Amino acid sequence: MTAPTDNQDRTQRRKGVMRTAWVVGVIAIAIYVAFILSGVLAA
């Protein structure tokens, strides 16, 4: 088994960071939409 090269390590980290950013973004949008809907439906 060979050790990952520097380029492969960077690619894997970049994919992980992008996935984390997307997950955090989706959660933030879901919370935002929930607050908007709670305000609209409560009125």
PDB file of N, CA and C in Angstrom:
ATOM      1  N   MET A   1       0.849  -1.177   0.000  1.00  0.00           N
ATOM      2  CA  MET A   1       0.000   0.000   0.000  1.00  0.00           C
ATOM      3  C   MET A   1       0.891   1.236   0.000  1.00  0.00           C
ATOM      4  N   THR A   2       0.612   2.146  -0.903  1.00  0.00           N
ATOM      5  CA  THR A   2       1.454   3.328  -1.008  1.00  0.00           C
ATOM      6  C   THR A   2       0.829   4.488  -0.243  1.00  0.00           C
ATOM      7  N   ALA A   3       1.676   5.374   0.224  1.00  0.00           N
ATOM      8  CA  ALA A   3       1.202   6.567   0.915  1.00  0.00           C
ATOM      9  C   ALA A   3       0.614   7.533  -0.097  1.00  0.00           C
ATOM     10  N   PRO A   4      -0.453   8.237   0.261  1.00  0.00           N
ATOM     11  CA  PRO A   4      -1.045   9.182  -0.686  1.00  0.00           C
ATOM     12  C   PRO A   4      -0.069  10.312  -1.002  1.00  0.00           C
ATOM     13  N   THR A   5      -0.080  10.716  -2.249  1.00  0.00           N
ATOM     14  CA  THR A   5       0.789  11.827  -2.637  1.00  0.00           C
ATOM     15  C   THR A   5       0.208  13.128  -2.118  1.00  0.00           C
ATOM     16  N   ASP A   6       1.010  14.168  -2.158  1.00  0.00           N
ATOM     17  CA  ASP A   6       0.582  15.473  -1.664  1.00  0.00           C
ATOM     18  C   ASP A   6      -0.642  15.960  -2.424  1.00  0.00           C
ATOM     19  N   ASN A   7      -0.670  15.722  -3.741  1.00  0.00           N
ATOM     20  CA  ASN A   7      -1.788  16.179  -4.565  1.00  0.00           C
ATOM     21  C   ASN A   7      -3.071  15.450  -4.195  1.00  0.00           C
ATOM     22  N   GLN A   8      -2.991  14.160  -3.953  1.00  0.00           N
ATOM     23  CA  GLN A   8      -4.176  13.398  -3.567  1.00  0.00           C
ATOM     24  C   GLN A   8      -4.697  13.873  -2.210  1.00  0.00           C
ATOM     25  N   ASP A   9      -3.788  14.158  -1.298  1.00  0.00           N
ATOM     26  CA  ASP A   9      -4.186  14.629   0.021  1.00  0.00           C
ATOM     27  C   ASP A   9      -4.906  15.972  -0.082  1.00  0.00           C
ATOM     28  N   ARG A  10      -4.394  16.856  -0.896  1.00  0.00           N
ATOM     29  CA  ARG A  10      -5.045  18.151  -1.091  1.00  0.00           C
ATOM     30  C   ARG A  10      -6.428  17.985  -1.704  1.00  0.00           C
ATOM     31  N   THR A  11      -6.534  17.102  -2.674  1.00  0.00           N
ATOM     32  CA  THR A  11      -7.825  16.876  -3.326  1.00  0.00           C
ATOM     33  C   THR A  11      -8.841  16.327  -2.341  1.00  0.00           C
ATOM     34  N   GLN A  12      -8.422  15.377  -1.523  1.00  0.00           N
ATOM     35  CA  GLN A  12      -9.336  14.807  -0.532  1.00  0.00           C
ATOM     36  C   GLN A  12      -9.755  15.857   0.493  1.00  0.00           C
ATOM     37  N   ARG A  13      -8.811  16.673   0.930  1.00  0.00           N
ATOM     38  CA  ARG A  13      -9.150  17.725   1.898  1.00  0.00           C
ATOM     39  C   ARG A  13     -10.105  18.731   1.288  1.00  0.00           C
ATOM     40  N   ARG A  14      -9.848  19.111   0.043  1.00  0.00           N
ATOM     41  CA  ARG A  14     -10.719  20.086  -0.623  1.00  0.00           C
ATOM     42  C   ARG A  14     -12.132  19.531  -0.750  1.00  0.00           C
ATOM     43  N   LYS A  15     -12.258  18.250  -1.107  1.00  0.00           N
ATOM     44  CA  LYS A  15     -13.583  17.640  -1.206  1.00  0.00           C
ATOM     45  C   LYS A  15     -14.278  17.626   0.151  1.00  0.00           C
ATOM     46  N   GLY A  16     -13.527  17.319   1.197  1.00  0.00           N
ATOM     47  CA  GLY A  16     -14.100  17.310   2.537  1.00  0.00           C
ATOM     48  C   GLY A  16     -14.554  18.683   2.973  1.00  0.00           C
ATOM     49  N   VAL A  17     -13.751  19.689   2.678  1.00  0.00           N
ATOM     50  CA  VAL A  17     -14.106  21.067   3.037  1.00  0.00           C
ATOM     51  C   VAL A  17     -15.338  21.514   2.267  1.00  0.00           C
ATOM     52  N   MET A  18     -15.400  21.198   0.989  1.00  0.00           N
ATOM     53  CA  MET A  18     -16.558  21.583   0.184  1.00  0.00           C
ATOM     54  C   MET A  18     -17.823  20.892   0.688  1.00  0.00           C
ATOM     55  N   ARG A  19     -17.712  19.626   1.028  1.00  0.00           N
ATOM     56  CA  ARG A  19     -18.870  18.895   1.541  1.00  0.00           C
ATOM     57  C   ARG A  19     -19.341  19.510   2.851  1.00  0.00           C
ATOM     58  N   THR A  20     -18.417  19.849   3.722  1.00  0.00           N
ATOM     59  CA  THR A  20     -18.767  20.475   5.001  1.00  0.00           C
ATOM     60  C   THR A  20     -19.430  21.827   4.772  1.00  0.00           C
ATOM     61  N   ALA A  21     -18.904  22.604   3.840  1.00  0.00           N
ATOM     62  CA  ALA A  21     -19.482  23.918   3.543  1.00  0.00           C
ATOM     63  C   ALA A  21     -20.900  23.775   3.021  1.00  0.00           C
ATOM     64  N   TRP A  22     -21.138  22.818   2.144  1.00  0.00           N
ATOM     65  CA  TRP A  22     -22.486  22.589   1.625  1.00  0.00           C
ATOM     66  C   TRP A  22     -23.449  22.174   2.734  1.00  0.00           C
ATOM     67  N   VAL A  23     -23.004  21.287   3.614  1.00  0.00           N
ATOM     68  CA  VAL A  23     -23.868  20.826   4.706  1.00  0.00           C
ATOM     69  C   VAL A  23     -24.221  21.980   5.631  1.00  0.00           C
ATOM     70  N   VAL A  24     -23.223  22.783   6.012  1.00  0.00           N
ATOM     71  CA  VAL A  24     -23.478  23.928   6.890  1.00  0.00           C
ATOM     72  C   VAL A  24     -24.400  24.928   6.191  1.00  0.00           C
ATOM     73  N   GLY A  25     -24.192  25.153   4.914  1.00  0.00           N
ATOM     74  CA  GLY A  25     -25.045  26.071   4.158  1.00  0.00           C
ATOM     75  C   GLY A  25     -26.485  25.607   4.086  1.00  0.00           C
ATOM     76  N   VAL A  26     -26.684  24.334   3.843  1.00  0.00           N
ATOM     77  CA  VAL A  26     -28.045  23.791   3.768  1.00  0.00           C
ATOM     78  C   VAL A  26     -28.736  23.899   5.125  1.00  0.00           C
ATOM     79  N   ILE A  27     -28.020  23.618   6.192  1.00  0.00           N
ATOM     80  CA  ILE A  27     -28.596  23.743   7.532  1.00  0.00           C
ATOM     81  C   ILE A  27     -28.966  25.195   7.813  1.00  0.00           C
ATOM     82  N   ALA A  28     -28.091  26.135   7.451  1.00  0.00           N
ATOM     83  CA  ALA A  28     -28.371  27.555   7.672  1.00  0.00           C
ATOM     84  C   ALA A  28     -29.604  27.999   6.884  1.00  0.00           C
ATOM     85  N   ILE A  29     -29.728  27.571   5.655  1.00  0.00           N
ATOM     86  CA  ILE A  29     -30.891  27.929   4.842  1.00  0.00           C
ATOM     87  C   ILE A  29     -32.161  27.315   5.424  1.00  0.00           C
ATOM     88  N   ALA A  30     -32.069  26.080   5.910  1.00  0.00           N
ATOM     89  CA  ALA A  30     -33.237  25.435   6.510  1.00  0.00           C
ATOM     90  C   ALA A  30     -33.707  26.198   7.744  1.00  0.00           C
ATOM     91  N   ILE A  31     -32.775  26.646   8.569  1.00  0.00           N
ATOM     92  CA  ILE A  31     -33.141  27.422   9.763  1.00  0.00           C
ATOM     93  C   ILE A  31     -33.769  28.755   9.350  1.00  0.00           C
ATOM     94  N   TYR A  32     -33.190  29.405   8.351  1.00  0.00           N
ATOM     95  CA  TYR A  32     -33.718  30.676   7.856  1.00  0.00           C
ATOM     96  C   TYR A  32     -35.146  30.504   7.346  1.00  0.00           C
ATOM     97  N   VAL A  33     -35.366  29.480   6.537  1.00  0.00           N
ATOM     98  CA  VAL A  33     -36.705  29.223   5.994  1.00  0.00           C
ATOM     99  C   VAL A  33     -37.683  28.892   7.121  1.00  0.00           C
ATOM    100  N   ALA A  34     -37.233  28.147   8.121  1.00  0.00           N
ATOM    101  CA  ALA A  34     -38.107  27.804   9.241  1.00  0.00           C
ATOM    102  C   ALA A  34     -38.551  29.065   9.985  1.00  0.00           C
ATOM    103  N   PHE A  35     -37.633  30.009  10.203  1.00  0.00           N
ATOM    104  CA  PHE A  35     -38.014  31.251  10.868  1.00  0.00           C
ATOM    105  C   PHE A  35     -38.989  32.067  10.023  1.00  0.00           C
ATOM    106  N   ILE A  36     -38.753  32.134   8.732  1.00  0.00           N
ATOM    107  CA  ILE A  36     -39.659  32.864   7.846  1.00  0.00           C
ATOM    108  C   ILE A  36     -41.034  32.230   7.880  1.00  0.00           C
ATOM    109  N   LEU A  37     -41.090  30.910   7.747  1.00  0.00           N
ATOM    110  CA  LEU A  37     -42.375  30.235   7.756  1.00  0.00           C
ATOM    111  C   LEU A  37     -43.093  30.367   9.089  1.00  0.00           C
ATOM    112  N   SER A  38     -42.362  30.324  10.186  1.00  0.00           N
ATOM    113  CA  SER A  38     -43.007  30.469  11.489  1.00  0.00           C
ATOM    114  C   SER A  38     -43.610  31.865  11.631  1.00  0.00           C
ATOM    115  N   GLY A  39     -42.942  32.863  11.085  1.00  0.00           N
ATOM    116  CA  GLY A  39     -43.487  34.217  11.124  1.00  0.00           C
ATOM    117  C   GLY A  39     -44.714  34.370  10.247  1.00  0.00           C
ATOM    118  N   VAL A  40     -44.682  33.754   9.081  1.00  0.00           N
ATOM    119  CA  VAL A  40     -45.812  33.856   8.147  1.00  0.00           C
ATOM    120  C   VAL A  40     -47.011  33.063   8.661  1.00  0.00           C
ATOM    121  N   LEU A  41     -46.779  31.873   9.165  1.00  0.00           N
ATOM    122  CA  LEU A  41     -47.889  31.029   9.594  1.00  0.00           C
ATOM    123  C   LEU A  41     -48.476  31.475  10.928  1.00  0.00           C
ATOM    124  N   ALA A  42     -47.715  32.204  11.726  1.00  0.00           N
ATOM    125  CA  ALA A  42     -48.213  32.664  13.016  1.00  0.00           C
ATOM    126  C   ALA A  42     -49.108  33.893  12.868  1.00  0.00           C
ATOM    127  N   ALA A  43     -48.973  34.580  11.744  1.00  0.00           N
ATOM    128  CA  ALA A  43     -49.725  35.830  11.548  1.00  0.00           C
ATOM    129  C   ALA A  43     -51.164  35.598  11.206  1.00  0.00           C
TER     130      ALA A  43
END
